[in-house]
Amino acid sequence: MLDSWKTIRQDTAQSVEDFPAAEMNFKPVDGMMSFGEIAHHILVSSHGITGMLLDGVDNMATPQFRETIMKYAAGLPGPQDALGLARALRESLEQRTAQLAAQPAEFLARIVTRFDGQRVTRLEMLQMAKEHELTHRAQLFVYLRLKGIVPATTRRRMAKPQAV
């Protein structure tokens, strides 16, 4: 699970690198997050949730959940810093997956309460964070396409020889 998340993250970071740095505030319509805000949200949410799990937080259904998660965002680049975001996206997940992989098996089996009150294992919580990233990575891909940029996943598929 951690290895597949790293692959997903590489494509997320590549999307940030591929997008024009001067246009990080691009959004297709008012009311949507900008490209930079989506990338920043992916970074902050995954870094925060993994940090909380590693720190032993077992109840995220608290009124101060957002404040707590933002404590883990201290020092992370903002939504306009394309190079910083791409670097931090890679470094954060590399660091967190190493920390998580070093935990005993019981660590991932422990039950925690998600921010919506549902009780899940830490592994399920990590899977949810990975799926959350996939959802927002898809948004980044749409924004890339709107700018005429082909996402890395498509570029790789197109580069493969076609079966005859």
N, C-alpha and C. Protein backbone atom coordinates (compact mmCIF):
# COMPACT_ATOMS: atom_id res chain seq x y z
N MET A 1 0.84 -1.19 0.00
CA MET A 1 0.00 0.00 0.00
C MET A 1 0.88 1.26 0.00
N LEU A 2 1.93 1.23 0.81
CA LEU A 2 2.81 2.41 0.87
C LEU A 2 3.55 2.62 -0.44
N ASP A 3 3.99 1.54 -1.07
CA ASP A 3 4.69 1.67 -2.35
C ASP A 3 3.78 2.23 -3.44
N SER A 4 2.53 1.75 -3.48
CA SER A 4 1.62 2.28 -4.50
C SER A 4 1.30 3.75 -4.23
N TRP A 5 1.26 4.15 -2.95
CA TRP A 5 1.02 5.55 -2.62
C TRP A 5 2.20 6.40 -3.10
N LYS A 6 3.42 5.87 -2.98
CA LYS A 6 4.59 6.61 -3.45
C LYS A 6 4.50 6.84 -4.96
N THR A 7 4.03 5.86 -5.70
CA THR A 7 3.88 6.00 -7.15
C THR A 7 2.86 7.09 -7.46
N ILE A 8 1.75 7.06 -6.76
CA ILE A 8 0.72 8.08 -6.93
C ILE A 8 1.30 9.46 -6.63
N ARG A 9 2.07 9.54 -5.55
CA ARG A 9 2.64 10.82 -5.14
C ARG A 9 3.64 11.36 -6.17
N GLN A 10 4.40 10.48 -6.78
CA GLN A 10 5.34 10.94 -7.80
C GLN A 10 4.59 11.64 -8.93
N ASP A 11 3.45 11.09 -9.31
CA ASP A 11 2.65 11.71 -10.38
C ASP A 11 2.00 13.01 -9.91
N THR A 12 1.64 13.08 -8.64
CA THR A 12 1.10 14.33 -8.09
C THR A 12 2.17 15.41 -8.15
N ALA A 13 3.37 15.08 -7.66
CA ALA A 13 4.47 16.05 -7.67
C ALA A 13 4.84 16.44 -9.10
N GLN A 14 4.84 15.47 -10.01
CA GLN A 14 5.16 15.77 -11.41
C GLN A 14 4.14 16.72 -12.01
N SER A 15 2.88 16.57 -11.62
CA SER A 15 1.84 17.49 -12.10
C SER A 15 2.15 18.92 -11.69
N VAL A 16 2.61 19.09 -10.46
CA VAL A 16 2.95 20.43 -9.97
C VAL A 16 4.14 20.97 -10.76
N GLU A 17 5.11 20.12 -11.04
CA GLU A 17 6.27 20.56 -11.83
C GLU A 17 5.88 20.89 -13.27
N ASP A 18 4.92 20.17 -13.82
CA ASP A 18 4.50 20.39 -15.22
C ASP A 18 3.63 21.63 -15.38
N PHE A 19 2.93 22.03 -14.34
CA PHE A 19 2.02 23.17 -14.43
C PHE A 19 2.83 24.46 -14.43
N PRO A 20 2.41 25.46 -15.21
CA PRO A 20 3.15 26.73 -15.21
C PRO A 20 3.18 27.36 -13.81
N ALA A 21 4.38 27.56 -13.29
CA ALA A 21 4.54 28.07 -11.92
C ALA A 21 3.85 29.41 -11.71
N ALA A 22 3.81 30.23 -12.74
CA ALA A 22 3.18 31.55 -12.62
C ALA A 22 1.66 31.47 -12.59
N GLU A 23 1.09 30.28 -12.82
CA GLU A 23 -0.36 30.14 -12.88
C GLU A 23 -0.92 29.24 -11.78
N MET A 24 -0.23 29.13 -10.67
CA MET A 24 -0.69 28.26 -9.58
C MET A 24 -2.05 28.67 -9.04
N ASN A 25 -2.46 29.90 -9.29
CA ASN A 25 -3.77 30.36 -8.82
C ASN A 25 -4.89 30.08 -9.83
N PHE A 26 -4.56 29.36 -10.93
CA PHE A 26 -5.57 29.03 -11.94
C PHE A 26 -6.66 28.14 -11.36
N LYS A 27 -7.91 28.51 -11.67
CA LYS A 27 -9.07 27.66 -11.39
C LYS A 27 -10.05 27.86 -12.52
N PRO A 28 -10.71 26.78 -12.94
CA PRO A 28 -11.60 26.88 -14.10
C PRO A 28 -12.78 27.82 -13.89
N VAL A 29 -13.32 27.83 -12.68
CA VAL A 29 -14.46 28.70 -12.36
C VAL A 29 -14.35 29.14 -10.92
N ASP A 30 -15.00 30.25 -10.61
CA ASP A 30 -15.04 30.72 -9.23
C ASP A 30 -15.68 29.65 -8.34
N GLY A 31 -15.22 29.58 -7.12
CA GLY A 31 -15.79 28.63 -6.17
C GLY A 31 -15.02 27.32 -6.09
N MET A 32 -14.09 27.12 -7.02
CA MET A 32 -13.24 25.92 -6.99
C MET A 32 -11.89 26.29 -6.41
N MET A 33 -11.18 25.29 -5.91
CA MET A 33 -9.82 25.53 -5.45
C MET A 33 -8.93 25.77 -6.66
N SER A 34 -7.91 26.57 -6.48
CA SER A 34 -6.93 26.76 -7.54
C SER A 34 -6.03 25.53 -7.63
N PHE A 35 -5.27 25.44 -8.70
CA PHE A 35 -4.33 24.32 -8.86
C PHE A 35 -3.40 24.25 -7.65
N GLY A 36 -2.83 25.38 -7.27
CA GLY A 36 -1.92 25.41 -6.12
C GLY A 36 -2.61 25.04 -4.82
N GLU A 37 -3.84 25.47 -4.65
CA GLU A 37 -4.58 25.12 -3.42
C GLU A 37 -4.85 23.62 -3.35
N ILE A 38 -5.13 22.99 -4.48
CA ILE A 38 -5.36 21.54 -4.48
C ILE A 38 -4.07 20.82 -4.12
N ALA A 39 -2.97 21.20 -4.75
CA ALA A 39 -1.69 20.56 -4.45
C ALA A 39 -1.31 20.76 -2.99
N HIS A 40 -1.53 21.96 -2.48
CA HIS A 40 -1.24 22.26 -1.07
C HIS A 40 -2.13 21.43 -0.15
N HIS A 41 -3.39 21.29 -0.51
CA HIS A 41 -4.34 20.50 0.28
C HIS A 41 -3.89 19.03 0.35
N ILE A 42 -3.45 18.48 -0.77
CA ILE A 42 -2.94 17.10 -0.78
C ILE A 42 -1.78 16.98 0.19
N LEU A 43 -0.84 17.91 0.11
CA LEU A 43 0.34 17.87 0.98
C LEU A 43 -0.04 17.99 2.45
N VAL A 44 -0.82 19.01 2.79
CA VAL A 44 -1.16 19.26 4.18
C VAL A 44 -1.99 18.12 4.78
N SER A 45 -2.98 17.65 4.04
CA SER A 45 -3.86 16.61 4.59
C SER A 45 -3.10 15.31 4.81
N SER A 46 -2.29 14.89 3.84
CA SER A 46 -1.57 13.62 4.00
C SER A 46 -0.48 13.74 5.05
N HIS A 47 0.24 14.84 5.05
CA HIS A 47 1.30 15.04 6.05
C HIS A 47 0.70 15.11 7.46
N GLY A 48 -0.44 15.78 7.56
CA GLY A 48 -1.09 15.91 8.86
C GLY A 48 -1.66 14.60 9.37
N ILE A 49 -2.39 13.90 8.52
CA ILE A 49 -3.01 12.64 8.96
C ILE A 49 -1.96 11.60 9.31
N THR A 50 -0.93 11.47 8.47
CA THR A 50 0.12 10.50 8.79
C THR A 50 0.86 10.90 10.06
N GLY A 51 1.09 12.19 10.22
CA GLY A 51 1.75 12.67 11.44
C GLY A 51 0.92 12.38 12.68
N MET A 52 -0.38 12.61 12.58
CA MET A 52 -1.26 12.33 13.72
C MET A 52 -1.24 10.85 14.07
N LEU A 53 -1.31 9.99 13.05
CA LEU A 53 -1.27 8.55 13.30
C LEU A 53 0.04 8.14 13.96
N LEU A 54 1.15 8.65 13.44
CA LEU A 54 2.46 8.31 14.00
C LEU A 54 2.63 8.83 15.42
N ASP A 55 1.98 9.94 15.73
CA ASP A 55 2.05 10.50 17.07
C ASP A 55 1.07 9.84 18.04
N GLY A 56 0.30 8.86 17.56
CA GLY A 56 -0.60 8.13 18.45
C GLY A 56 -1.96 8.74 18.64
N VAL A 57 -2.31 9.74 17.82
CA VAL A 57 -3.66 10.32 17.91
C VAL A 57 -4.63 9.25 17.48
N ASP A 58 -5.58 8.91 18.35
CA ASP A 58 -6.52 7.85 18.00
C ASP A 58 -7.95 8.34 17.86
N ASN A 59 -8.17 9.65 18.04
CA ASN A 59 -9.51 10.22 17.86
C ASN A 59 -9.39 11.52 17.09
N MET A 60 -9.79 11.47 15.83
CA MET A 60 -9.74 12.66 14.99
C MET A 60 -11.09 13.35 14.89
N ALA A 61 -12.09 12.81 15.57
CA ALA A 61 -13.44 13.39 15.55
C ALA A 61 -13.56 14.41 16.67
N THR A 62 -12.70 15.42 16.62
CA THR A 62 -12.71 16.45 17.64
C THR A 62 -12.95 17.80 16.99
N PRO A 63 -13.49 18.75 17.75
CA PRO A 63 -13.74 20.08 17.17
C PRO A 63 -12.46 20.76 16.69
N GLN A 64 -11.33 20.40 17.26
CA GLN A 64 -10.07 21.04 16.89
C GLN A 64 -9.28 20.24 15.84
N PHE A 65 -9.96 19.35 15.09
CA PHE A 65 -9.27 18.53 14.10
C PHE A 65 -8.49 19.39 13.10
N ARG A 66 -9.13 20.40 12.51
CA ARG A 66 -8.46 21.22 11.51
C ARG A 66 -7.28 21.99 12.12
N GLU A 67 -7.45 22.47 13.33
CA GLU A 67 -6.34 23.17 14.00
C GLU A 67 -5.19 22.20 14.24
N THR A 68 -5.52 20.98 14.65
CA THR A 68 -4.48 19.99 14.92
C THR A 68 -3.73 19.64 13.64
N ILE A 69 -4.45 19.41 12.57
CA ILE A 69 -3.79 19.03 11.32
C ILE A 69 -2.91 20.18 10.81
N MET A 70 -3.31 21.41 11.07
CA MET A 70 -2.50 22.54 10.61
C MET A 70 -1.20 22.67 11.40
N LYS A 71 -1.15 22.12 12.61
CA LYS A 71 0.11 22.12 13.36
C LYS A 71 1.18 21.34 12.59
N TYR A 72 0.74 20.30 11.89
CA TYR A 72 1.68 19.49 11.11
C TYR A 72 2.07 20.20 9.81
N ALA A 73 1.35 21.23 9.43
CA ALA A 73 1.63 21.95 8.19
C ALA A 73 2.67 23.05 8.38
N ALA A 74 3.05 23.31 9.63
CA ALA A 74 4.04 24.35 9.89
C ALA A 74 5.31 24.05 9.11
N GLY A 75 5.77 25.04 8.40
CA GLY A 75 7.01 24.89 7.62
C GLY A 75 6.82 24.36 6.22
N LEU A 76 5.61 23.91 5.88
CA LEU A 76 5.36 23.42 4.52
C LEU A 76 5.15 24.62 3.59
N PRO A 77 5.53 24.48 2.32
CA PRO A 77 5.35 25.60 1.39
C PRO A 77 3.88 25.89 1.12
N GLY A 78 3.61 27.11 0.72
CA GLY A 78 2.25 27.53 0.44
C GLY A 78 1.80 27.17 -0.96
N PRO A 79 0.55 27.46 -1.28
CA PRO A 79 -0.03 27.07 -2.57
C PRO A 79 0.53 27.79 -3.79
N GLN A 80 1.27 28.85 -3.62
CA GLN A 80 1.85 29.57 -4.77
C GLN A 80 3.28 29.13 -5.07
N ASP A 81 3.89 28.35 -4.19
CA ASP A 81 5.29 27.94 -4.32
C ASP A 81 5.38 26.61 -5.06
N ALA A 82 5.37 26.66 -6.39
CA ALA A 82 5.35 25.44 -7.20
C ALA A 82 6.55 24.54 -6.92
N LEU A 83 7.74 25.08 -6.95
CA LEU A 83 8.93 24.25 -6.73
C LEU A 83 8.96 23.69 -5.32
N GLY A 84 8.61 24.51 -4.35
CA GLY A 84 8.58 24.05 -2.96
C GLY A 84 7.53 22.98 -2.74
N LEU A 85 6.36 23.17 -3.37
CA LEU A 85 5.29 22.17 -3.25
C LEU A 85 5.70 20.83 -3.84
N ALA A 86 6.26 20.84 -5.03
CA ALA A 86 6.68 19.59 -5.67
C ALA A 86 7.72 18.87 -4.82
N ARG A 87 8.69 19.62 -4.34
CA ARG A 87 9.74 19.03 -3.49
C ARG A 87 9.13 18.48 -2.19
N ALA A 88 8.29 19.27 -1.55
CA ALA A 88 7.70 18.85 -0.27
C ALA A 88 6.76 17.66 -0.45
N LEU A 89 6.04 17.62 -1.56
CA LEU A 89 5.17 16.46 -1.82
C LEU A 89 6.00 15.18 -1.86
N ARG A 90 7.13 15.23 -2.54
CA ARG A 90 7.99 14.04 -2.62
C ARG A 90 8.62 13.71 -1.26
N GLU A 91 9.22 14.72 -0.63
CA GLU A 91 9.95 14.49 0.62
C GLU A 91 9.03 14.06 1.75
N SER A 92 7.88 14.68 1.83
CA SER A 92 6.95 14.37 2.92
C SER A 92 6.52 12.91 2.88
N LEU A 93 6.08 12.45 1.71
CA LEU A 93 5.60 11.08 1.65
C LEU A 93 6.75 10.08 1.80
N GLU A 94 7.91 10.42 1.28
CA GLU A 94 9.07 9.53 1.44
C GLU A 94 9.39 9.38 2.93
N GLN A 95 9.38 10.48 3.65
CA GLN A 95 9.65 10.46 5.09
C GLN A 95 8.56 9.67 5.83
N ARG A 96 7.32 9.99 5.55
CA ARG A 96 6.22 9.35 6.27
C ARG A 96 6.12 7.85 5.97
N THR A 97 6.33 7.44 4.71
CA THR A 97 6.23 6.01 4.41
C THR A 97 7.37 5.25 5.08
N ALA A 98 8.54 5.85 5.19
CA ALA A 98 9.65 5.20 5.90
C ALA A 98 9.29 5.04 7.38
N GLN A 99 8.71 6.08 7.97
CA GLN A 99 8.32 6.01 9.38
C GLN A 99 7.22 4.97 9.59
N LEU A 100 6.27 4.93 8.69
CA LEU A 100 5.17 3.96 8.81
C LEU A 100 5.65 2.54 8.59
N ALA A 101 6.55 2.34 7.63
CA ALA A 101 7.07 0.99 7.35
C ALA A 101 7.87 0.45 8.53
N ALA A 102 8.42 1.34 9.34
CA ALA A 102 9.22 0.92 10.49
C ALA A 102 8.36 0.51 11.69
N GLN A 103 7.07 0.74 11.61
CA GLN A 103 6.18 0.41 12.74
C GLN A 103 5.89 -1.09 12.76
N PRO A 104 5.64 -1.65 13.94
CA PRO A 104 5.25 -3.06 14.01
C PRO A 104 3.86 -3.27 13.40
N ALA A 105 3.57 -4.49 13.00
CA ALA A 105 2.29 -4.81 12.34
C ALA A 105 1.10 -4.37 13.20
N GLU A 106 1.23 -4.47 14.50
CA GLU A 106 0.11 -4.11 15.40
C GLU A 106 -0.24 -2.63 15.26
N PHE A 107 0.73 -1.82 14.90
CA PHE A 107 0.49 -0.39 14.75
C PHE A 107 -0.63 -0.14 13.73
N LEU A 108 -0.54 -0.81 12.58
CA LEU A 108 -1.53 -0.60 11.52
C LEU A 108 -2.88 -1.23 11.83
N ALA A 109 -2.90 -2.18 12.72
CA ALA A 109 -4.15 -2.86 13.07
C ALA A 109 -4.95 -2.11 14.14
N ARG A 110 -4.33 -1.17 14.81
CA ARG A 110 -5.00 -0.45 15.89
C ARG A 110 -6.16 0.38 15.35
N ILE A 111 -7.25 0.42 16.10
CA ILE A 111 -8.46 1.16 15.71
C ILE A 111 -8.33 2.63 16.11
N VAL A 112 -8.70 3.50 15.18
CA VAL A 112 -8.77 4.94 15.44
C VAL A 112 -10.14 5.44 15.00
N THR A 113 -10.48 6.62 15.46
CA THR A 113 -11.74 7.24 15.06
C THR A 113 -11.43 8.34 14.06
N ARG A 114 -12.00 8.20 12.86
CA ARG A 114 -11.80 9.20 11.82
C ARG A 114 -12.52 10.49 12.20
N PHE A 115 -12.24 11.54 11.47
CA PHE A 115 -12.85 12.85 11.72
C PHE A 115 -14.35 12.83 11.54
N ASP A 116 -14.90 11.83 10.79
CA ASP A 116 -16.35 11.71 10.62
C ASP A 116 -16.98 10.79 11.66
N GLY A 117 -16.19 10.32 12.61
CA GLY A 117 -16.69 9.48 13.68
C GLY A 117 -16.61 7.98 13.40
N GLN A 118 -16.30 7.60 12.17
CA GLN A 118 -16.20 6.17 11.84
C GLN A 118 -14.93 5.59 12.45
N ARG A 119 -15.06 4.37 13.00
CA ARG A 119 -13.92 3.68 13.59
C ARG A 119 -13.31 2.76 12.54
N VAL A 120 -12.01 2.92 12.31
CA VAL A 120 -11.29 2.16 11.30
C VAL A 120 -9.90 1.81 11.83
N THR A 121 -9.24 0.88 11.15
CA THR A 121 -7.85 0.61 11.53
C THR A 121 -6.97 1.74 10.97
N ARG A 122 -5.77 1.83 11.52
CA ARG A 122 -4.84 2.83 10.98
C ARG A 122 -4.54 2.54 9.51
N LEU A 123 -4.47 1.25 9.16
CA LEU A 123 -4.24 0.91 7.75
C LEU A 123 -5.38 1.44 6.88
N GLU A 124 -6.62 1.28 7.33
CA GLU A 124 -7.76 1.81 6.57
C GLU A 124 -7.68 3.33 6.48
N MET A 125 -7.21 3.97 7.54
CA MET A 125 -7.07 5.42 7.54
C MET A 125 -6.02 5.84 6.50
N LEU A 126 -4.94 5.09 6.42
CA LEU A 126 -3.92 5.39 5.42
C LEU A 126 -4.47 5.17 4.01
N GLN A 127 -5.24 4.10 3.83
CA GLN A 127 -5.84 3.83 2.54
C GLN A 127 -6.79 4.97 2.14
N MET A 128 -7.53 5.49 3.11
CA MET A 128 -8.42 6.61 2.84
C MET A 128 -7.63 7.84 2.42
N ALA A 129 -6.49 8.08 3.06
CA ALA A 129 -5.65 9.23 2.70
C ALA A 129 -5.12 9.06 1.28
N LYS A 130 -4.74 7.84 0.92
CA LYS A 130 -4.26 7.57 -0.45
C LYS A 130 -5.38 7.81 -1.46
N GLU A 131 -6.59 7.33 -1.16
CA GLU A 131 -7.73 7.53 -2.06
C GLU A 131 -8.09 9.01 -2.16
N HIS A 132 -7.96 9.73 -1.06
CA HIS A 132 -8.20 11.17 -1.05
C HIS A 132 -7.23 11.86 -2.01
N GLU A 133 -5.98 11.43 -1.98
CA GLU A 133 -5.00 12.01 -2.90
C GLU A 133 -5.35 11.69 -4.35
N LEU A 134 -5.76 10.45 -4.61
CA LEU A 134 -6.14 10.09 -5.97
C LEU A 134 -7.26 10.97 -6.51
N THR A 135 -8.23 11.26 -5.66
CA THR A 135 -9.34 12.12 -6.06
C THR A 135 -8.84 13.49 -6.46
N HIS A 136 -8.00 14.08 -5.62
CA HIS A 136 -7.51 15.42 -5.91
C HIS A 136 -6.45 15.42 -7.01
N ARG A 137 -5.70 14.33 -7.15
CA ARG A 137 -4.75 14.24 -8.26
C ARG A 137 -5.52 14.28 -9.59
N ALA A 138 -6.69 13.64 -9.62
CA ALA A 138 -7.52 13.69 -10.83
C ALA A 138 -7.92 15.13 -11.15
N GLN A 139 -8.20 15.93 -10.13
CA GLN A 139 -8.50 17.35 -10.37
C GLN A 139 -7.29 18.05 -10.99
N LEU A 140 -6.11 17.77 -10.45
CA LEU A 140 -4.90 18.37 -11.01
C LEU A 140 -4.73 17.99 -12.48
N PHE A 141 -5.02 16.73 -12.80
CA PHE A 141 -4.92 16.27 -14.19
C PHE A 141 -5.89 17.02 -15.10
N VAL A 142 -7.11 17.28 -14.61
CA VAL A 142 -8.08 18.04 -15.41
C VAL A 142 -7.55 19.46 -15.64
N TYR A 143 -7.01 20.08 -14.62
CA TYR A 143 -6.47 21.43 -14.75
C TYR A 143 -5.31 21.43 -15.75
N LEU A 144 -4.45 20.40 -15.69
CA LEU A 144 -3.36 20.28 -16.67
C LEU A 144 -3.93 20.24 -18.08
N ARG A 145 -4.94 19.38 -18.28
CA ARG A 145 -5.55 19.23 -19.60
C ARG A 145 -6.15 20.55 -20.08
N LEU A 146 -6.76 21.30 -19.17
CA LEU A 146 -7.33 22.59 -19.55
C LEU A 146 -6.26 23.56 -20.02
N LYS A 147 -5.04 23.34 -19.60
CA LYS A 147 -3.91 24.17 -20.03
C LYS A 147 -3.17 23.55 -21.21
N GLY A 148 -3.68 22.43 -21.74
CA GLY A 148 -3.05 21.79 -22.88
C GLY A 148 -1.85 20.93 -22.52
N ILE A 149 -1.74 20.54 -21.27
CA ILE A 149 -0.61 19.74 -20.79
C ILE A 149 -1.07 18.30 -20.57
N VAL A 150 -0.35 17.36 -21.10
CA VAL A 150 -0.68 15.94 -20.95
C VAL A 150 -0.09 15.44 -19.63
N PRO A 151 -0.92 14.86 -18.75
CA PRO A 151 -0.42 14.33 -17.47
C PRO A 151 0.62 13.22 -17.67
N ALA A 152 1.49 13.08 -16.69
CA ALA A 152 2.59 12.10 -16.75
C ALA A 152 2.09 10.68 -16.97
N THR A 153 0.97 10.32 -16.37
CA THR A 153 0.45 8.95 -16.53
C THR A 153 0.11 8.67 -17.98
N THR A 154 -0.47 9.63 -18.66
CA THR A 154 -0.82 9.48 -20.07
C THR A 154 0.45 9.48 -20.93
N ARG A 155 1.39 10.34 -20.61
CA ARG A 155 2.64 10.38 -21.36
C ARG A 155 3.35 9.02 -21.30
N ARG A 156 3.36 8.40 -20.14
CA ARG A 156 3.99 7.07 -20.01
C ARG A 156 3.26 6.04 -20.86
N ARG A 157 1.93 6.07 -20.79
CA ARG A 157 1.15 5.10 -21.58
C ARG A 157 1.38 5.32 -23.07
N MET A 158 1.42 6.54 -23.50
CA MET A 158 1.63 6.84 -24.92
C MET A 158 3.04 6.45 -25.38
N ALA A 159 4.00 6.45 -24.48
CA ALA A 159 5.38 6.12 -24.84
C ALA A 159 5.61 4.62 -24.98
N LYS A 160 4.69 3.82 -24.46
CA LYS A 160 4.83 2.37 -24.57
C LYS A 160 4.54 1.93 -26.00
N PRO A 161 5.31 0.95 -26.49
CA PRO A 161 5.01 0.44 -27.84
C PRO A 161 3.61 -0.16 -27.88
N GLN A 162 2.92 0.09 -28.96
CA GLN A 162 1.55 -0.41 -29.12
C GLN A 162 1.59 -1.89 -29.51
N ALA A 163 0.76 -2.70 -28.87
CA ALA A 163 0.65 -4.12 -29.21
C ALA A 163 -0.02 -4.25 -30.58
N VAL A 164 0.50 -5.13 -31.38
CA VAL A 164 -0.05 -5.32 -32.73
C VAL A 164 -0.90 -6.55 -32.80
